[in-house]
Amino acid sequence: MSDYLAPMTDTLDPDLAAMAEDELTRALTLSWRDLSTLTPWGDSFDGFSPAGRQVTVERNYLWAGDPGGDILCEVTVFGGPSRYDEGVRASRLVRKP
């Protein structure tokens, strides 16, 4: 479970939430050491949600505070640019060892 899972609106879409959690798990397969060499960094790609909806996934690795410290990994899943505000964001800190 993410440290932070939130809808961008008042309601949580379970399909987008499931995809955000899954993508966050995948995004966190790299160690802090590996991530520290590419932070700050982000990307986006189009895919399909567990329910088969076409979605956009944005993934970001950001310094949570000072560079060289903890890394914040954020994943946002939404139904395309016009529906960004209806998406779901999941995030977790990768603590510096």
Protein backbone atom coordinates (compact mmCIF):
# COMPACT_ATOMS: atom_id res chain seq x y z
CA MET A 1 0.00 0.00 0.00
CA SER A 2 1.25 3.46 -0.81
CA ASP A 3 1.99 6.04 1.83
CA TYR A 4 -0.34 8.30 -0.09
CA LEU A 5 -3.16 7.29 -2.42
CA ALA A 6 -5.59 10.02 -3.33
CA PRO A 7 -8.11 10.91 -5.96
CA MET A 8 -7.62 14.19 -7.75
CA THR A 9 -11.38 14.78 -7.22
CA ASP A 10 -13.76 13.95 -4.37
CA THR A 11 -14.13 10.28 -5.31
CA LEU A 12 -11.59 7.49 -5.69
CA ASP A 13 -11.93 5.52 -8.93
CA PRO A 14 -11.06 1.93 -7.90
CA ASP A 15 -9.84 1.02 -11.41
CA LEU A 16 -7.41 3.95 -11.55
CA ALA A 17 -6.39 3.35 -7.92
CA ALA A 18 -5.50 -0.28 -8.69
CA MET A 19 -3.40 0.80 -11.65
CA ALA A 20 -1.67 3.55 -9.66
CA GLU A 21 -0.76 1.08 -6.90
CA ASP A 22 0.53 -1.47 -9.41
CA GLU A 23 2.62 1.10 -11.27
CA LEU A 24 3.99 2.49 -8.01
CA THR A 25 5.10 -1.01 -7.01
CA ARG A 26 6.88 -1.35 -10.36
CA ALA A 27 8.41 2.12 -10.08
CA LEU A 28 9.89 1.21 -6.71
CA THR A 29 11.83 -1.81 -7.93
CA LEU A 30 14.97 0.35 -8.10
CA SER A 31 17.04 0.94 -4.98
CA TRP A 32 17.69 4.37 -3.50
CA ARG A 33 21.22 4.18 -4.88
CA ASP A 34 19.96 3.51 -8.41
CA LEU A 35 17.25 6.17 -8.17
CA SER A 36 19.64 8.79 -6.81
CA THR A 37 21.57 8.76 -10.08
CA LEU A 38 18.52 9.81 -12.09
CA THR A 39 16.55 12.00 -9.68
CA PRO A 40 14.87 14.33 -10.53
CA TRP A 41 13.29 12.48 -13.42
CA GLY A 42 9.86 11.66 -14.80
CA ASP A 43 8.13 10.05 -17.72
CA SER A 44 4.67 9.30 -19.01
CA PHE A 45 3.14 6.61 -21.18
CA ASP A 46 -0.24 5.42 -22.37
CA GLY A 47 -1.57 2.04 -21.30
CA PHE A 48 -4.68 0.15 -20.26
CA SER A 49 -6.16 -0.03 -16.77
CA PRO A 50 -7.17 -3.35 -15.17
CA ALA A 51 -10.72 -2.71 -16.48
CA GLY A 52 -9.40 -2.15 -20.01
CA ARG A 53 -9.71 1.64 -20.11
CA GLN A 54 -7.10 3.62 -22.01
CA VAL A 55 -5.15 5.72 -19.49
CA THR A 56 -2.05 7.86 -19.18
CA VAL A 57 0.49 7.06 -16.47
CA GLU A 58 2.91 9.70 -15.19
CA ARG A 59 5.82 8.62 -13.01
CA ASN A 60 8.09 11.06 -11.15
CA TYR A 61 11.14 10.66 -8.94
CA LEU A 62 11.76 13.87 -6.96
CA TRP A 63 13.93 14.84 -4.04
CA ALA A 64 11.63 14.92 -1.01
CA GLY A 65 13.75 17.69 0.51
CA ASP A 66 17.37 18.49 -0.05
CA PRO A 67 19.09 16.83 -3.02
CA GLY A 68 20.81 13.63 -1.93
CA GLY A 69 18.19 12.81 0.71
CA ASP A 70 14.96 10.84 0.57
CA ILE A 71 13.31 10.40 -2.84
CA LEU A 72 9.59 10.85 -3.44
CA CYS A 73 8.17 8.52 -6.06
CA GLU A 74 4.80 9.64 -7.46
CA VAL A 75 2.57 7.84 -9.94
CA THR A 76 -0.52 9.51 -11.39
CA VAL A 77 -3.01 7.59 -13.54
CA PHE A 78 -5.71 9.41 -15.50
CA GLY A 79 -7.93 8.96 -18.53
CA GLY A 80 -5.99 11.23 -20.88
CA PRO A 81 -5.04 14.93 -20.74
CA SER A 82 -8.60 16.24 -20.61
CA ARG A 83 -9.34 14.04 -17.56
CA TYR A 84 -6.17 14.68 -15.54
CA ASP A 85 -8.20 16.16 -12.68
CA GLU A 86 -10.19 12.91 -12.43
CA GLY A 87 -7.07 10.79 -11.93
CA VAL A 88 -5.52 9.06 -8.93
CA ARG A 89 -2.07 9.70 -7.44
CA ALA A 90 -0.07 7.21 -5.40
CA SER A 91 3.27 8.04 -3.80
CA ARG A 92 5.86 6.68 -1.45
CA LEU A 93 9.16 7.85 0.00
CA VAL A 94 12.32 5.93 -0.75
CA ARG A 95 14.41 6.57 2.35
CA LYS A 96 18.10 7.22 2.03
CA PRO A 97 19.95 4.31 3.67
